[in-house]
């Protein structure tokens, strides 16, 4: 389970080398446009627009609400950091999420027990922070989240999120505890009960999967627009 998880150059100078490495059917196109930077810009802008329109037509997943009492952190779709938050007694629990594919090196997903081809958005990593008032550190869990299970990868104490990096360097050098899988089974079971009591379980999966899809879609749309705007400004300057 745990194993799952446009370069640029000057047109005149690089087109010849690119043509040599490109398929034969592509070489005539490179030769035609290599003498005109404006033609290259127009080709790129047209391609960006076509893909932007294609992505804009993608159907979003059904709207899913997070399990109560978790609430969505305002503005989370437009920035990094926590996605969900909830109180638990005098504690505050916050959850950040990313694809497992963003953690593992390229090609690692192909090394799963099923022979590869897994859907990376069905394999999520959670950063779970448990903080208490008056404490400078929070208890941090790195967890793998799947449709039917959650597993702890590591546990450590670290400076609270939003502490402006104060003490971060010393925290990195600080002893972080043993590798989770090397802990006694009873200790591991107790940690799993600890996060389960705070609502860290597979019930979070449906919402976080849909949330990641929407965030990825929004980021891709924004990327197409931003790159297109930059190329167009260069063209009209």
C-alpha atoms as a PDB file:
ATOM      1  CA  UNK A   1       0.000   0.000   0.000  1.00  0.00           C
ATOM      2  CA  UNK A   2       2.720   2.419   1.004  1.00  0.00           C
ATOM      3  CA  UNK A   3       4.660   1.973  -2.226  1.00  0.00           C
ATOM      4  CA  UNK A   4       1.716   3.395  -4.234  1.00  0.00           C
ATOM      5  CA  UNK A   5       1.984   6.730  -4.774  1.00  0.00           C
ATOM      6  CA  UNK A   6       8.016  23.893 -22.017  1.00  0.00           C
ATOM      7  CA  UNK A   7      11.711  24.161 -21.946  1.00  0.00           C
ATOM      8  CA  UNK A   8      12.688  27.388 -23.696  1.00  0.00           C
ATOM      9  CA  UNK A   9      15.510  28.571 -25.878  1.00  0.00           C
ATOM     10  CA  UNK A  10      15.986  31.215 -28.542  1.00  0.00           C
ATOM     11  CA  UNK A  11      14.004  30.247 -31.619  1.00  0.00           C
ATOM     12  CA  UNK A  12      16.766  30.855 -34.148  1.00  0.00           C
ATOM     13  CA  UNK A  13      19.429  28.966 -32.170  1.00  0.00           C
ATOM     14  CA  UNK A  14      17.433  26.021 -30.837  1.00  0.00           C
ATOM     15  CA  UNK A  15      15.036  25.186 -33.659  1.00  0.00           C
ATOM     16  CA  UNK A  16      17.709  23.387 -35.675  1.00  0.00           C
ATOM     17  CA  UNK A  17      18.675  21.131 -32.770  1.00  0.00           C
ATOM     18  CA  UNK A  18      15.027  20.528 -31.898  1.00  0.00           C
ATOM     19  CA  UNK A  19      14.299  19.602 -35.506  1.00  0.00           C
ATOM     20  CA  UNK A  20      17.073  17.000 -35.464  1.00  0.00           C
ATOM     21  CA  UNK A  21      15.600  15.361 -32.352  1.00  0.00           C
ATOM     22  CA  UNK A  22      11.949  15.721 -33.397  1.00  0.00           C
ATOM     23  CA  UNK A  23       9.979  13.192 -35.436  1.00  0.00           C
ATOM     24  CA  UNK A  24      10.274  13.662 -39.204  1.00  0.00           C
ATOM     25  CA  UNK A  25       6.674  14.812 -39.554  1.00  0.00           C
ATOM     26  CA  UNK A  26       7.385  17.665 -37.160  1.00  0.00           C
ATOM     27  CA  UNK A  27      10.580  18.974 -38.784  1.00  0.00           C
ATOM     28  CA  UNK A  28       8.894  20.940 -41.631  1.00  0.00           C
ATOM     29  CA  UNK A  29       6.769  22.804 -39.063  1.00  0.00           C
ATOM     30  CA  UNK A  30       9.868  23.739 -37.066  1.00  0.00           C
ATOM     31  CA  UNK A  31      11.632  24.982 -40.198  1.00  0.00           C
ATOM     32  CA  UNK A  32       8.624  27.100 -41.189  1.00  0.00           C
ATOM     33  CA  UNK A  33       8.325  28.831 -37.844  1.00  0.00           C
ATOM     34  CA  UNK A  34      12.003  28.988 -36.852  1.00  0.00           C
ATOM     35  CA  UNK A  35      12.530  32.290 -38.647  1.00  0.00           C
ATOM     36  CA  UNK A  36       9.698  34.106 -36.893  1.00  0.00           C
ATOM     37  CA  UNK A  37       9.377  34.626 -33.159  1.00  0.00           C
ATOM     38  CA  UNK A  38       5.896  36.087 -33.702  1.00  0.00           C
ATOM     39  CA  UNK A  39       4.823  32.859 -35.412  1.00  0.00           C
ATOM     40  CA  UNK A  40       6.058  30.817 -32.445  1.00  0.00           C
ATOM     41  CA  UNK A  41       4.196  33.069 -30.001  1.00  0.00           C
ATOM     42  CA  UNK A  42       0.992  32.775 -32.053  1.00  0.00           C
ATOM     43  CA  UNK A  43       1.320  28.988 -32.207  1.00  0.00           C
ATOM     44  CA  UNK A  44       1.802  28.763 -28.451  1.00  0.00           C
ATOM     45  CA  UNK A  45      -1.060  31.157 -27.675  1.00  0.00           C
ATOM     46  CA  UNK A  46      -3.398  29.195 -29.937  1.00  0.00           C
ATOM     47  CA  UNK A  47      -2.430  25.912 -28.269  1.00  0.00           C
ATOM     48  CA  UNK A  48      -2.869  27.374 -24.779  1.00  0.00           C
ATOM     49  CA  UNK A  49      -6.299  28.726 -25.697  1.00  0.00           C
ATOM     50  CA  UNK A  50      -7.422  25.394 -27.152  1.00  0.00           C
ATOM     51  CA  UNK A  51      -6.361  23.506 -24.042  1.00  0.00           C
ATOM     52  CA  UNK A  52      -7.880  26.146 -21.761  1.00  0.00           C
ATOM     53  CA  UNK A  53     -11.239  25.730 -23.520  1.00  0.00           C
ATOM     54  CA  UNK A  54     -10.914  21.952 -23.331  1.00  0.00           C
ATOM     55  CA  UNK A  55     -10.202  21.977 -19.621  1.00  0.00           C
ATOM     56  CA  UNK A  56     -13.005  24.491 -18.976  1.00  0.00           C
ATOM     57  CA  UNK A  57     -15.521  21.954 -20.320  1.00  0.00           C
ATOM     58  CA  UNK A  58     -14.541  19.233 -17.840  1.00  0.00           C
ATOM     59  CA  UNK A  59     -17.385  18.197 -15.562  1.00  0.00           C
ATOM     60  CA  UNK A  60     -16.555  18.756 -11.880  1.00  0.00           C
ATOM     61  CA  UNK A  61     -17.292  16.000  -9.354  1.00  0.00           C
ATOM     62  CA  UNK A  62     -20.510  16.137  -7.317  1.00  0.00           C
ATOM     63  CA  UNK A  63     -20.379  18.591  -4.435  1.00  0.00           C
ATOM     64  CA  UNK A  64     -19.345  16.837  -1.213  1.00  0.00           C
ATOM     65  CA  UNK A  65     -19.432  18.259   2.292  1.00  0.00           C
ATOM     66  CA  UNK A  66     -16.722  17.422   4.846  1.00  0.00           C
ATOM     67  CA  UNK A  67     -17.674  15.123   7.716  1.00  0.00           C
ATOM     68  CA  UNK A  68     -19.016  17.039  10.711  1.00  0.00           C
ATOM     69  CA  UNK A  69     -17.648  18.753  12.761  1.00  0.00           C
ATOM     70  CA  UNK A  70     -14.858  19.566  10.259  1.00  0.00           C
ATOM     71  CA  UNK A  71     -15.245  22.874   8.410  1.00  0.00           C
ATOM     72  CA  UNK A  72     -13.464  24.126   5.301  1.00  0.00           C
ATOM     73  CA  UNK A  73     -10.731  26.712   5.909  1.00  0.00           C
ATOM     74  CA  UNK A  74     -11.710  29.918   4.113  1.00  0.00           C
ATOM     75  CA  UNK A  75      -9.611  30.568   1.000  1.00  0.00           C
ATOM     76  CA  UNK A  76      -8.007  27.116   1.067  1.00  0.00           C
ATOM     77  CA  UNK A  77      -8.652  26.556  -2.648  1.00  0.00           C
ATOM     78  CA  UNK A  78      -6.494  29.550  -3.574  1.00  0.00           C
ATOM     79  CA  UNK A  79      -3.459  28.863  -1.412  1.00  0.00           C
ATOM     80  CA  UNK A  80      -1.513  26.140   0.276  1.00  0.00           C
ATOM     81  CA  UNK A  81      -1.953  25.072   3.881  1.00  0.00           C
ATOM     82  CA  UNK A  82      -4.806  23.571   5.874  1.00  0.00           C
ATOM     83  CA  UNK A  83      -8.009  22.509   4.124  1.00  0.00           C
ATOM     84  CA  UNK A  84     -10.099  21.380   7.083  1.00  0.00           C
ATOM     85  CA  UNK A  85     -10.211  22.410  10.714  1.00  0.00           C
ATOM     86  CA  UNK A  86     -12.143  21.401  13.833  1.00  0.00           C
ATOM     87  CA  UNK A  87     -11.991  21.843  17.585  1.00  0.00           C
ATOM     88  CA  UNK A  88     -11.545  18.823  19.848  1.00  0.00           C
ATOM     89  CA  UNK A  89     -11.776  19.742  23.502  1.00  0.00           C
ATOM     90  CA  UNK A  90      -9.060  22.376  24.015  1.00  0.00           C
ATOM     91  CA  UNK A  91      -7.266  21.192  20.876  1.00  0.00           C
ATOM     92  CA  UNK A  92      -7.436  22.422  17.290  1.00  0.00           C
ATOM     93  CA  UNK A  93      -7.103  19.836  14.540  1.00  0.00           C
ATOM     94  CA  UNK A  94      -6.071  21.006  11.065  1.00  0.00           C
ATOM     95  CA  UNK A  95      -5.659  18.889   7.943  1.00  0.00           C
ATOM     96  CA  UNK A  96      -3.695  19.570   4.754  1.00  0.00           C
ATOM     97  CA  UNK A  97      -3.826  17.200   1.790  1.00  0.00           C
ATOM     98  CA  UNK A  98      -1.836  16.370  -1.335  1.00  0.00           C
ATOM     99  CA  UNK A  99      -1.664  13.595  -3.884  1.00  0.00           C
ATOM    100  CA  UNK A 100       0.563  10.680  -3.056  1.00  0.00           C
ATOM    101  CA  UNK A 101       2.098  11.208  -6.521  1.00  0.00           C
ATOM    102  CA  UNK A 102       3.471  14.561  -5.304  1.00  0.00           C
ATOM    103  CA  UNK A 103       5.427  12.760  -2.576  1.00  0.00           C
ATOM    104  CA  UNK A 104       6.885   9.768  -4.400  1.00  0.00           C
ATOM    105  CA  UNK A 105       9.523  10.060  -7.150  1.00  0.00           C
ATOM    106  CA  UNK A 106       8.536   9.689 -10.798  1.00  0.00           C
ATOM    107  CA  UNK A 107       7.675   6.097 -11.703  1.00  0.00           C
ATOM    108  CA  UNK A 108       7.158   4.957  -8.120  1.00  0.00           C
ATOM    109  CA  UNK A 109       3.438   4.440  -8.695  1.00  0.00           C
ATOM    110  CA  UNK A 110       4.248   1.713 -11.193  1.00  0.00           C
ATOM    111  CA  UNK A 111       5.817  -0.327  -8.405  1.00  0.00           C
ATOM    112  CA  UNK A 112       2.573  -1.121  -6.589  1.00  0.00           C
ATOM    113  CA  UNK A 113       1.365  -4.626  -5.792  1.00  0.00           C
ATOM    114  CA  UNK A 114      -1.257  -4.492  -8.513  1.00  0.00           C
ATOM    115  CA  UNK A 115       1.259  -4.031 -11.299  1.00  0.00           C
ATOM    116  CA  UNK A 116       1.012  -0.256 -11.683  1.00  0.00           C
ATOM    117  CA  UNK A 117      -1.480   2.130 -13.201  1.00  0.00           C
ATOM    118  CA  UNK A 118      -3.009   3.322  -9.921  1.00  0.00           C
ATOM    119  CA  UNK A 119      -5.005   6.536  -9.824  1.00  0.00           C
ATOM    120  CA  UNK A 120      -2.880   9.036  -7.872  1.00  0.00           C
ATOM    121  CA  UNK A 121      -5.919  11.030  -6.769  1.00  0.00           C
ATOM    122  CA  UNK A 122      -7.154   7.872  -5.020  1.00  0.00           C
ATOM    123  CA  UNK A 123      -3.994   7.826  -2.903  1.00  0.00           C
ATOM    124  CA  UNK A 124      -3.701  10.871  -0.666  1.00  0.00           C
ATOM    125  CA  UNK A 125      -1.247  12.114   1.945  1.00  0.00           C
ATOM    126  CA  UNK A 126      -2.555  14.039   4.937  1.00  0.00           C
ATOM    127  CA  UNK A 127      -0.618  16.430   7.154  1.00  0.00           C
ATOM    128  CA  UNK A 128      -2.505  16.459  10.444  1.00  0.00           C
ATOM    129  CA  UNK A 129      -1.632  19.033  13.124  1.00  0.00           C
ATOM    130  CA  UNK A 130      -2.938  18.744  16.680  1.00  0.00           C
ATOM    131  CA  UNK A 131      -2.270  21.964  18.577  1.00  0.00           C
ATOM    132  CA  UNK A 132      -3.055  23.194  22.063  1.00  0.00           C
ATOM    133  CA  UNK A 133      -3.245  26.774  23.428  1.00  0.00           C
ATOM    134  CA  UNK A 134      -0.084  27.945  25.109  1.00  0.00           C
ATOM    135  CA  UNK A 135       2.090  25.320  23.429  1.00  0.00           C
ATOM    136  CA  UNK A 136       4.721  26.403  20.892  1.00  0.00           C
ATOM    137  CA  UNK A 137       4.717  23.003  19.208  1.00  0.00           C
ATOM    138  CA  UNK A 138       2.014  20.864  17.677  1.00  0.00           C
ATOM    139  CA  UNK A 139       1.790  17.105  17.281  1.00  0.00           C
ATOM    140  CA  UNK A 140       2.186  16.400  13.579  1.00  0.00           C
ATOM    141  CA  UNK A 141       1.054  13.232  11.805  1.00  0.00           C
ATOM    142  CA  UNK A 142       1.837  12.308   8.217  1.00  0.00           C
ATOM    143  CA  UNK A 143      -0.837   9.857   7.088  1.00  0.00           C
ATOM    144  CA  UNK A 144      -1.780   7.945   3.961  1.00  0.00           C
ATOM    145  CA  UNK A 145      -5.498   8.157   3.169  1.00  0.00           C
ATOM    146  CA  UNK A 146      -7.318   5.657   0.979  1.00  0.00           C
ATOM    147  CA  UNK A 147     -11.025   5.048   0.226  1.00  0.00           C
ATOM    148  CA  UNK A 148     -11.186   2.328   2.866  1.00  0.00           C
ATOM    149  CA  UNK A 149      -8.323   3.012   5.261  1.00  0.00           C
ATOM    150  CA  UNK A 150      -5.929   5.475   6.841  1.00  0.00           C
ATOM    151  CA  UNK A 151      -2.381   4.698   7.903  1.00  0.00           C
ATOM    152  CA  UNK A 152       0.190   6.668   9.902  1.00  0.00           C
ATOM    153  CA  UNK A 153       3.566   7.174   8.239  1.00  0.00           C
ATOM    154  CA  UNK A 154       5.243   9.346  10.880  1.00  0.00           C
ATOM    155  CA  UNK A 155       4.630  11.252  14.128  1.00  0.00           C
ATOM    156  CA  UNK A 156       6.643  14.189  15.451  1.00  0.00           C
ATOM    157  CA  UNK A 157       6.501  17.445  17.383  1.00  0.00           C
ATOM    158  CA  UNK A 158       7.173  20.598  15.353  1.00  0.00           C
ATOM    159  CA  UNK A 159       6.626  24.377  15.616  1.00  0.00           C
ATOM    160  CA  UNK A 160       3.022  25.377  15.148  1.00  0.00           C
ATOM    161  CA  UNK A 161       1.910  26.272  11.631  1.00  0.00           C
ATOM    162  CA  UNK A 162       2.074  30.035  11.135  1.00  0.00           C
ATOM    163  CA  UNK A 163       4.911  30.578  13.616  1.00  0.00           C
ATOM    164  CA  UNK A 164       6.777  32.566  10.905  1.00  0.00           C
ATOM    165  CA  UNK A 165       9.510  29.964  10.797  1.00  0.00           C
ATOM    166  CA  UNK A 166      10.890  30.874  14.231  1.00  0.00           C
ATOM    167  CA  UNK A 167      12.798  27.911  15.593  1.00  0.00           C
ATOM    168  CA  UNK A 168      12.279  25.949  12.360  1.00  0.00           C
ATOM    169  CA  UNK A 169      15.965  25.211  11.838  1.00  0.00           C
ATOM    170  CA  UNK A 170      16.431  23.940  15.381  1.00  0.00           C
ATOM    171  CA  UNK A 171      13.270  21.865  15.031  1.00  0.00           C
ATOM    172  CA  UNK A 172      14.698  20.117  11.968  1.00  0.00           C
ATOM    173  CA  UNK A 173      17.789  19.134  13.945  1.00  0.00           C
ATOM    174  CA  UNK A 174      15.694  18.011  16.901  1.00  0.00           C
ATOM    175  CA  UNK A 175      15.161  14.296  17.489  1.00  0.00           C
ATOM    176  CA  UNK A 176      11.947  13.340  15.711  1.00  0.00           C
ATOM    177  CA  UNK A 177      11.356   9.954  17.299  1.00  0.00           C
ATOM    178  CA  UNK A 178      11.653   6.497  15.818  1.00  0.00           C
ATOM    179  CA  UNK A 179      10.384   5.433  12.411  1.00  0.00           C
ATOM    180  CA  UNK A 180       6.709   4.732  13.028  1.00  0.00           C
ATOM    181  CA  UNK A 181       6.824   1.167  11.721  1.00  0.00           C
ATOM    182  CA  UNK A 182       9.626   0.400  14.176  1.00  0.00           C
ATOM    183  CA  UNK A 183       7.492   1.286  17.191  1.00  0.00           C
ATOM    184  CA  UNK A 184       5.901  -1.419  19.284  1.00  0.00           C
ATOM    185  CA  UNK A 185       2.597  -2.623  17.842  1.00  0.00           C
ATOM    186  CA  UNK A 186       0.681  -1.505  20.940  1.00  0.00           C
ATOM    187  CA  UNK A 187       2.089   2.033  20.595  1.00  0.00           C
ATOM    188  CA  UNK A 188       1.162   2.127  16.905  1.00  0.00           C
ATOM    189  CA  UNK A 189      -2.356   0.909  17.692  1.00  0.00           C
ATOM    190  CA  UNK A 190      -2.707   3.584  20.374  1.00  0.00           C
ATOM    191  CA  UNK A 191      -1.677   6.334  17.917  1.00  0.00           C
ATOM    192  CA  UNK A 192      -4.246   5.067  15.411  1.00  0.00           C
ATOM    193  CA  UNK A 193      -6.942   5.201  18.107  1.00  0.00           C
ATOM    194  CA  UNK A 194      -5.744   8.746  18.954  1.00  0.00           C
ATOM    195  CA  UNK A 195      -6.295  10.071  15.418  1.00  0.00           C
ATOM    196  CA  UNK A 196      -9.491   8.042  14.978  1.00  0.00           C
ATOM    197  CA  UNK A 197     -10.965   9.743  18.055  1.00  0.00           C
ATOM    198  CA  UNK A 198     -10.252  13.092  16.352  1.00  0.00           C
ATOM    199  CA  UNK A 199     -12.048  12.113  13.149  1.00  0.00           C
ATOM    200  CA  UNK A 200      -9.016  11.201  11.042  1.00  0.00           C
ATOM    201  CA  UNK A 201     -10.435   8.283   9.087  1.00  0.00           C
ATOM    202  CA  UNK A 202     -11.561   7.096   5.659  1.00  0.00           C
ATOM    203  CA  UNK A 203     -14.739   9.209   5.907  1.00  0.00           C
ATOM    204  CA  UNK A 204     -12.574  12.204   4.939  1.00  0.00           C
ATOM    205  CA  UNK A 205     -11.617  10.626   1.622  1.00  0.00           C
ATOM    206  CA  UNK A 206     -14.641  11.495  -0.550  1.00  0.00           C
ATOM    207  CA  UNK A 207     -14.490  15.187   0.349  1.00  0.00           C
ATOM    208  CA  UNK A 208     -10.714  15.546   0.068  1.00  0.00           C
ATOM    209  CA  UNK A 209     -10.620  13.705  -3.267  1.00  0.00           C
ATOM    210  CA  UNK A 210     -13.283  16.023  -4.723  1.00  0.00           C
ATOM    211  CA  UNK A 211     -11.589  19.071  -3.164  1.00  0.00           C
ATOM    212  CA  UNK A 212      -8.239  18.169  -4.750  1.00  0.00           C
ATOM    213  CA  UNK A 213      -9.899  17.727  -8.135  1.00  0.00           C
ATOM    214  CA  UNK A 214     -11.455  21.188  -7.939  1.00  0.00           C
ATOM    215  CA  UNK A 215      -8.176  22.744  -6.733  1.00  0.00           C
ATOM    216  CA  UNK A 216      -6.143  21.076  -9.498  1.00  0.00           C
ATOM    217  CA  UNK A 217      -8.692  22.175 -12.101  1.00  0.00           C
ATOM    218  CA  UNK A 218      -8.667  25.764 -10.809  1.00  0.00           C
ATOM    219  CA  UNK A 219      -4.851  25.867 -10.722  1.00  0.00           C
ATOM    220  CA  UNK A 220      -4.599  24.516 -14.272  1.00  0.00           C
ATOM    221  CA  UNK A 221      -7.103  27.070 -15.598  1.00  0.00           C
ATOM    222  CA  UNK A 222      -5.186  29.848 -13.813  1.00  0.00           C
ATOM    223  CA  UNK A 223      -1.885  28.544 -15.236  1.00  0.00           C
ATOM    224  CA  UNK A 224      -3.159  28.585 -18.829  1.00  0.00           C
ATOM    225  CA  UNK A 225      -4.419  32.163 -18.401  1.00  0.00           C
ATOM    226  CA  UNK A 226      -1.251  33.417 -16.679  1.00  0.00           C
ATOM    227  CA  UNK A 227       1.152  31.906 -19.213  1.00  0.00           C
ATOM    228  CA  UNK A 228      -1.027  33.124 -22.100  1.00  0.00           C
ATOM    229  CA  UNK A 229      -1.114  36.648 -20.649  1.00  0.00           C
ATOM    230  CA  UNK A 230       2.681  36.654 -20.268  1.00  0.00           C
ATOM    231  CA  UNK A 231       3.283  35.477 -23.868  1.00  0.00           C
ATOM    232  CA  UNK A 232       0.748  37.982 -25.205  1.00  0.00           C
ATOM    233  CA  UNK A 233       2.396  40.868 -23.317  1.00  0.00           C
ATOM    234  CA  UNK A 234       5.769  39.911 -24.776  1.00  0.00           C
ATOM    235  CA  UNK A 235       4.199  39.789 -28.218  1.00  0.00           C
ATOM    236  CA  UNK A 236       2.583  43.240 -28.018  1.00  0.00           C
ATOM    237  CA  UNK A 237       5.389  45.031 -26.138  1.00  0.00           C
END
